[in-house]
Protein backbone atom coordinates (compact mmCIF):
# COMPACT_ATOMS: atom_id res chain seq x y z
CA MET A 1 -8.48 -15.21 22.99
CA ALA A 2 -10.90 -17.57 21.42
CA SER A 3 -11.14 -18.82 18.25
CA ALA A 4 -13.38 -17.57 17.16
CA SER A 5 -12.01 -13.43 17.52
CA PRO A 6 -12.38 -11.31 14.52
CA LYS A 7 -9.88 -11.06 11.67
CA ILE A 8 -7.98 -7.51 11.80
CA SER A 9 -6.30 -6.93 8.06
CA ILE A 10 -2.63 -5.45 8.62
CA ILE A 11 -1.43 -3.38 5.41
CA ILE A 12 1.73 -2.96 4.65
CA PRO A 13 2.97 -0.65 2.15
CA VAL A 14 6.89 -1.67 1.25
CA HIS A 15 9.07 -0.01 -1.05
CA ASN A 16 12.83 -0.57 -1.39
CA ALA A 17 12.56 -1.66 2.34
CA GLU A 18 14.70 -4.62 2.37
CA LYS A 19 16.77 -3.34 5.31
CA TYR A 20 14.32 -3.27 7.60
CA LEU A 21 11.69 -5.37 6.37
CA ASP A 22 12.53 -8.91 8.59
CA GLN A 23 12.05 -7.08 11.48
CA CYS A 24 9.16 -5.48 11.03
CA MET A 25 7.63 -8.78 9.67
CA GLU A 26 8.51 -10.81 12.29
CA SER A 27 6.94 -8.05 14.66
CA ILE A 28 3.72 -8.82 13.27
CA LEU A 29 3.77 -12.69 12.87
CA SER A 30 4.54 -12.50 16.68
CA GLN A 31 1.70 -10.85 17.51
CA THR A 32 0.18 -12.61 20.16
CA TYR A 33 -3.22 -11.64 18.25
CA HIS A 34 -3.13 -14.36 15.80
CA ALA A 35 -6.49 -14.12 13.35
CA LEU A 36 -5.34 -11.61 10.41
CA GLN A 37 -4.29 -10.95 7.26
CA ILE A 38 -1.64 -9.34 6.54
CA ILE A 39 -1.62 -8.16 3.33
CA CYS A 40 1.94 -6.84 2.03
CA VAL A 41 2.15 -4.56 -0.76
CA ASN A 42 5.45 -4.66 -3.42
CA ASP A 43 4.99 -1.23 -4.80
CA GLY A 44 7.64 -1.21 -7.22
CA SER A 45 10.48 -2.37 -5.10
CA SER A 46 14.03 -2.29 -7.24
CA ASP A 47 15.35 -4.11 -3.89
CA GLY A 48 15.18 -7.44 -2.55
CA SER A 49 11.73 -6.04 -1.09
CA LEU A 50 9.42 -8.27 -2.68
CA ASP A 51 11.75 -11.73 -2.35
CA VAL A 52 11.61 -11.55 1.12
CA LEU A 53 7.63 -10.84 0.84
CA GLU A 54 7.14 -13.68 -1.07
CA GLN A 55 9.27 -16.18 1.01
CA TYR A 56 7.36 -15.15 4.42
CA ALA A 57 4.39 -16.06 2.19
CA LYS A 58 5.04 -19.31 0.78
CA ALA A 59 5.94 -19.99 4.86
CA ASP A 60 2.78 -18.45 6.80
CA SER A 61 -0.90 -18.89 4.29
CA ARG A 62 -1.81 -15.56 6.49
CA ILE A 63 0.19 -13.37 4.38
CA THR A 64 -1.26 -12.47 0.68
CA VAL A 65 1.90 -10.30 -1.57
CA GLU A 66 0.20 -7.76 -4.10
CA SER A 67 2.27 -6.19 -5.93
CA GLN A 68 2.07 -2.92 -8.47
CA ALA A 69 3.96 -0.41 -10.54
CA ASN A 70 5.58 2.49 -8.65
CA GLN A 71 2.34 4.20 -7.63
CA GLY A 72 2.85 6.12 -3.52
CA VAL A 73 1.93 4.59 -0.05
CA SER A 74 -1.33 5.97 -0.76
CA ALA A 75 -2.23 3.92 -3.86
CA ALA A 76 -0.48 0.69 -1.82
CA ARG A 77 -2.25 1.28 1.35
CA ASN A 78 -5.89 1.54 -0.97
CA ARG A 79 -4.49 -1.86 -2.93
CA GLY A 80 -4.99 -3.16 0.58
CA LEU A 81 -8.47 -2.05 1.32
CA ASP A 82 -9.54 -3.20 -1.72
CA ILE A 83 -8.13 -6.13 -0.95
CA ALA A 84 -8.94 -6.67 3.02
CA SER A 85 -11.35 -9.03 4.43
CA GLY A 86 -10.56 -8.87 8.27
CA GLU A 87 -13.45 -6.78 10.14
CA TYR A 88 -10.94 -4.57 11.52
CA ILE A 89 -8.03 -2.28 9.96
CA GLY A 90 -4.64 -2.16 11.20
CA PHE A 91 -0.93 -0.08 8.92
CA VAL A 92 1.90 -1.32 9.65
CA ASP A 93 5.12 0.80 8.08
CA SER A 94 7.82 -1.77 6.18
CA ASP A 95 10.19 0.37 8.33
CA ASP A 96 8.88 0.21 11.74
CA TRP A 97 8.10 -2.77 14.29
CA LEU A 98 5.18 -3.89 16.72
CA GLU A 99 5.60 -4.84 20.22
CA PRO A 100 4.14 -8.73 20.24
CA THR A 101 0.61 -7.18 22.15
CA MET A 102 0.07 -4.63 20.16
CA VAL A 103 -2.63 -6.39 17.81
CA ASP A 104 -4.54 -7.58 21.36
CA THR A 105 -4.12 -5.30 23.72
CA LEU A 106 -5.74 -2.43 20.62
CA LEU A 107 -8.67 -5.28 19.66
CA LYS A 108 -9.47 -5.56 23.37
CA ALA A 109 -9.40 -2.14 24.40
CA LEU A 110 -11.90 -1.06 21.30
CA LEU A 111 -14.42 -3.87 21.67
CA ARG A 112 -14.28 -3.87 25.59
CA ASN A 113 -15.07 -0.59 25.07
CA GLU A 114 -17.39 -1.00 22.05
CA THR A 115 -15.47 2.03 20.58
CA ASP A 116 -14.97 2.38 16.96
CA MET A 117 -11.01 3.63 16.36
CA ALA A 118 -8.01 2.66 19.45
CA VAL A 119 -4.90 3.92 19.54
CA CYS A 120 -1.49 3.45 21.09
CA SER A 121 1.45 5.81 22.14
CA VAL A 122 4.11 5.57 19.87
CA ILE A 123 8.22 5.14 20.25
CA GLN A 124 10.46 6.43 17.13
CA HIS A 125 14.29 5.67 16.57
CA ASP A 126 15.92 8.18 14.75
CA ASP A 127 18.62 5.88 13.06
CA ASP A 128 20.27 8.59 11.82
CA LYS A 129 21.23 10.52 15.26
CA LYS A 130 22.41 7.19 16.25
CA SER A 131 20.50 8.56 19.96
CA GLU A 132 18.08 6.33 22.68
CA PRO A 133 14.57 5.89 21.13
CA MET A 134 12.19 8.46 22.32
CA ALA A 135 8.34 8.40 23.42
CA ARG A 136 7.13 10.08 19.29
CA ARG A 137 3.60 10.70 21.53
CA SER A 138 2.57 9.51 25.05
CA PHE A 139 -1.32 9.40 25.79
CA PRO A 140 -3.30 8.65 29.09
CA ASN A 141 -5.42 6.05 29.06
CA GLN A 142 -8.81 7.69 28.18
CA THR A 143 -12.23 6.93 26.67
CA PHE A 144 -14.06 9.41 24.50
CA LEU A 145 -17.70 8.04 24.54
CA GLU A 146 -20.30 10.87 24.63
CA PRO A 147 -21.14 13.12 21.75
CA THR A 148 -19.54 15.83 23.22
CA GLU A 149 -15.81 13.85 24.17
CA CYS A 150 -15.89 12.36 20.50
CA HIS A 151 -16.58 16.54 19.64
CA GLU A 152 -13.50 16.85 21.84
CA PHE A 153 -11.37 14.40 20.31
CA VAL A 154 -11.77 15.01 17.07
CA ASP A 155 -11.14 18.79 18.11
CA ARG A 156 -7.36 17.86 19.88
CA PHE A 157 -6.53 14.84 17.26
CA ALA A 158 -6.43 18.19 14.84
CA ARG A 159 -4.27 19.51 17.38
CA GLY A 160 -2.37 16.91 16.68
CA GLU A 161 -2.27 15.52 20.56
CA PHE A 162 -2.95 11.98 19.21
CA ASP A 163 -0.74 11.28 16.36
CA PHE A 164 -1.37 12.22 12.54
CA ALA A 165 -0.44 9.14 11.34
CA ASN A 166 -2.22 6.00 11.00
CA TRP A 167 -0.26 3.20 11.85
CA ASN A 168 -0.74 3.20 15.50
CA LYS A 169 -4.45 2.72 15.30
CA VAL A 170 -7.38 0.35 14.67
CA PHE A 171 -9.92 1.18 12.43
CA ARG A 172 -13.88 -0.64 11.67
CA ARG A 173 -13.16 -1.57 8.22
CA SER A 174 -17.20 -1.26 8.25
CA ILE A 175 -16.89 2.32 8.99
CA ILE A 176 -14.20 2.98 5.50
CA GLU A 177 -16.26 0.82 3.07
CA ASN A 178 -19.89 3.03 4.34
CA HIS A 179 -18.05 6.17 3.87
CA LYS A 180 -16.32 5.23 1.18
CA ILE A 181 -13.02 6.09 2.65
CA ARG A 182 -9.44 5.94 0.93
CA PHE A 183 -6.26 7.29 1.58
CA ASN A 184 -5.60 10.39 -1.54
CA ALA A 185 -3.15 9.50 -4.20
CA ASP A 186 -1.53 12.18 -5.71
CA LEU A 187 -0.05 12.82 -1.36
CA HIS A 188 2.34 10.72 -0.25
CA ILE A 189 2.90 13.56 2.74
CA GLY A 190 -0.04 14.22 5.18
CA GLU A 191 -2.34 11.19 3.59
CA ASP A 192 -2.63 9.53 6.56
CA PHE A 193 -3.27 12.64 8.50
CA LEU A 194 -6.62 13.24 5.94
CA PHE A 195 -7.83 9.61 6.43
CA ASN A 196 -7.28 9.64 9.70
CA LEU A 197 -10.04 12.92 9.96
CA ARG A 198 -12.46 11.33 7.04
CA TYR A 199 -12.88 8.43 9.62
CA ILE A 200 -13.43 10.47 12.57
CA THR A 201 -16.29 12.32 10.94
CA HIS A 202 -18.37 8.95 10.96
CA ALA A 203 -16.44 7.70 13.99
CA ARG A 204 -18.22 7.75 17.06
CA SER A 205 -16.22 6.72 20.03
CA PHE A 206 -12.68 5.54 21.06
CA VAL A 207 -10.81 4.77 23.28
CA ILE A 208 -6.50 5.87 24.16
CA LEU A 209 -4.18 3.97 24.85
CA GLU A 210 -0.88 4.45 27.70
CA ALA A 211 1.11 1.58 26.51
CA GLU A 212 3.95 2.05 24.07
CA LEU A 213 3.37 -0.16 21.32
CA TYR A 214 4.30 1.07 17.86
CA HIS A 215 8.06 1.81 17.14
CA TYR A 216 8.45 4.23 14.61
CA ARG A 217 11.95 4.56 12.86
CA ILE A 218 13.44 7.44 11.00
CA HIS A 219 15.79 7.03 8.45
CA GLY A 220 17.84 8.86 5.31
CA GLY A 221 15.29 6.93 3.03
CA SER A 222 12.25 8.43 4.97
CA LEU A 223 9.40 10.26 3.36
CA TRP A 224 10.42 12.96 5.69
CA HIS A 225 13.80 13.73 4.69
CA THR A 226 12.61 14.65 1.13
CA ASP A 227 13.29 17.90 0.08
CA ALA A 228 12.55 21.11 1.18
CA GLU A 229 10.73 21.81 -2.82
CA THR A 230 8.95 18.21 -2.62
CA ARG A 231 7.84 18.37 1.04
CA TRP A 232 6.26 22.24 0.36
CA LEU A 233 4.23 21.19 -2.89
CA GLU A 234 3.00 18.25 -0.88
CA HIS A 235 1.68 20.68 1.98
CA CYS A 236 -0.16 22.52 -1.10
CA LYS A 237 -1.58 19.13 -2.22
CA LYS A 238 -2.69 18.55 1.52
CA THR A 239 -3.99 21.70 2.17
CA ASN A 240 -5.68 21.73 -1.30
CA ALA A 241 -7.04 18.33 -0.48
CA LEU A 242 -7.96 18.68 2.58
CA ILE A 243 -10.30 22.27 2.03
CA HIS A 244 -11.91 20.28 -0.58
CA TYR A 245 -13.05 17.89 1.78
CA LEU A 246 -14.60 20.31 4.08
CA ASN A 247 -16.66 21.85 1.12
CA LYS A 248 -17.97 18.33 1.12
CA GLY A 249 -18.49 17.72 4.31
CA GLU A 250 -16.81 14.92 4.83
CA VAL A 251 -14.36 16.32 7.60
CA GLN A 252 -15.99 18.19 10.57
CA LEU A 253 -14.23 21.73 11.12
CA THR A 254 -13.78 21.96 14.96
CA GLN A 255 -11.46 24.74 16.79
CA GLY A 256 -8.86 22.56 16.28
CA LEU A 257 -8.74 22.73 12.88
CA GLU A 258 -8.91 26.10 12.22
CA ILE A 259 -6.32 26.27 14.25
CA TYR A 260 -4.21 23.41 12.35
CA LEU A 261 -5.26 25.18 8.99
CA VAL A 262 -4.09 28.68 10.31
CA HIS A 263 -0.73 27.48 11.22
CA HIS A 264 0.06 24.25 9.21
CA SER A 265 -1.54 25.65 5.18
CA THR A 266 -0.47 26.34 2.61
CA ILE A 267 -0.32 29.70 3.62
CA PHE A 268 1.73 29.78 6.61
CA THR A 269 3.89 26.72 6.89
CA ALA A 270 4.41 27.24 3.58
CA LEU A 271 5.91 30.65 3.58
CA PRO A 272 8.66 30.27 5.83
CA SER A 273 10.20 27.45 3.64
CA LEU A 274 9.66 29.81 0.48
CA VAL A 275 11.47 32.32 1.63
CA GLN A 276 14.23 30.44 2.00
CA TYR A 277 14.06 28.18 -0.77
CA PHE A 278 13.49 30.62 -3.23
CA LYS A 279 15.81 33.59 -2.49
CA SER A 280 15.63 34.75 -6.66
CA ASN A 281 14.84 37.58 -8.65
CA ASP A 282 14.09 39.92 -5.47
CA LEU A 283 10.44 38.01 -6.12
CA LEU A 284 8.84 35.83 -3.19
CA PHE A 285 7.69 32.97 -4.79
CA THR A 286 8.54 32.05 -8.26
CA ARG A 287 5.41 31.15 -10.75
CA LYS A 288 4.98 27.54 -9.36
CA ALA A 289 4.93 28.44 -5.92
CA LEU A 290 1.86 31.63 -7.07
CA ASP A 291 -0.27 29.01 -8.73
CA LEU A 292 -0.05 26.85 -5.99
CA LEU A 293 -0.75 29.39 -4.26
CA GLU A 294 -3.94 31.32 -6.14
CA MET A 295 -5.40 27.64 -6.20
CA ALA A 296 -5.43 26.78 -2.22
CA ASP A 297 -6.71 30.96 -2.48
CA ARG A 298 -9.41 29.87 -4.63
CA ASN A 299 -10.30 27.07 -2.26
CA TRP A 300 -10.22 28.72 0.75
CA PHE A 301 -13.05 31.33 -0.75
CA TRP A 302 -15.36 28.23 -0.98
CA LEU A 303 -15.35 28.05 2.66
CA PRO A 304 -19.07 29.49 4.09
CA SER A 305 -18.26 32.44 5.43
CA GLN A 306 -19.92 31.21 8.64
CA ASN A 307 -16.78 29.01 9.56
CA ARG A 308 -14.30 31.07 8.73
CA SER A 309 -13.76 33.53 12.25
CA LEU A 310 -12.51 37.04 11.62
CA ARG A 311 -9.07 36.24 11.56
CA LEU A 312 -9.17 33.86 9.20
CA SER A 313 -11.31 36.63 6.79
CA VAL A 314 -8.53 39.08 7.35
CA ILE A 315 -5.95 36.64 6.23
CA LEU A 316 -7.83 35.05 3.05
CA TYR A 317 -8.45 39.30 2.31
CA LEU A 318 -4.69 39.94 2.16
CA LEU A 319 -3.93 36.38 0.75
CA ARG A 320 -6.52 37.37 -2.27
CA GLY A 321 -5.42 41.28 -2.61
CA LYS A 322 -1.78 39.77 -3.05
CA TYR A 323 -0.36 41.56 0.38
CA TYR A 324 2.07 38.85 0.86
CA ARG A 325 4.24 41.50 2.59
CA THR A 326 2.10 42.54 5.13
CA LEU A 327 0.96 38.86 5.98
CA PHE A 328 4.41 38.33 6.52
CA ALA A 329 4.73 40.90 8.85
CA LEU A 330 1.88 39.28 11.14
CA TRP A 331 3.45 37.01 11.05
CA GLY A 332 6.81 37.90 11.98
CA LEU A 333 8.64 36.62 9.43
CA LYS A 334 11.31 38.05 7.26
CA THR A 335 10.29 39.16 3.33
CA VAL A 336 12.72 38.79 0.90
CA ALA A 337 15.57 41.32 0.77
């Protein structure tokens, strides 16, 4: 692209990623698109990550290193957004890497189609299983330009078709800033899903690319390898935050999102893991679990009744009445003996 190419800010949250940083940073510096602002946010690393970042910053003026006490990936990305100056925004996790043409390909597709978001397919690598790389998400080339098509995109995104993550996407910074979109700093899992939902509620067009340009790594230190209780509590917080955004009109409730809420919400995804994790004292839930579930119950009932299907209304009735065993029976789940 010409020297007048628009700048894209790449935001990389970093926490104890020394082992993977070289591969990540080299893949960014090797991009065929050069108009980059590379923002690395060291989130309280206790290994040599900060030293690695500072060495790269000395060698390339496009790199900015910010450092903060450990506050989590959401706060780190928000710090990056606060200082970003590019017209466009991209995110990269510090243990992942990019194909050399990723930024150029996504940005060209976005500009050519005059869309508000560009999405590419993803290759997944599992370091623990030592297995062959596999397609995590692979999509055919397609555009969503008309209002009905954009509604379809939002619906299909909520169903998980285009990956809930934000690292395989390019965003317009103007939409992020105009609508004050930030990551929920209380969340450490699922924060990108909520960010994307808020963004696509305000976006008007999307382009999807079949090209597999982002490499996603799974390893023992990944957030997805946290213990069952932590994952469940994070899921509770994510569901409550999502309902909060729905109530404020910051997220559009589509059929796909309602299906997501029903099948993946605090009420349901949580229940099987709760049964496994809290098999004690012949109780279905511990006090902490009940408190969170009741919080979700209160939030759910703030949803206007016209936005709830009959199925969802019945489920909420059972939840409010604490008919947990009936809920289990409806979903084919075993109760605690």
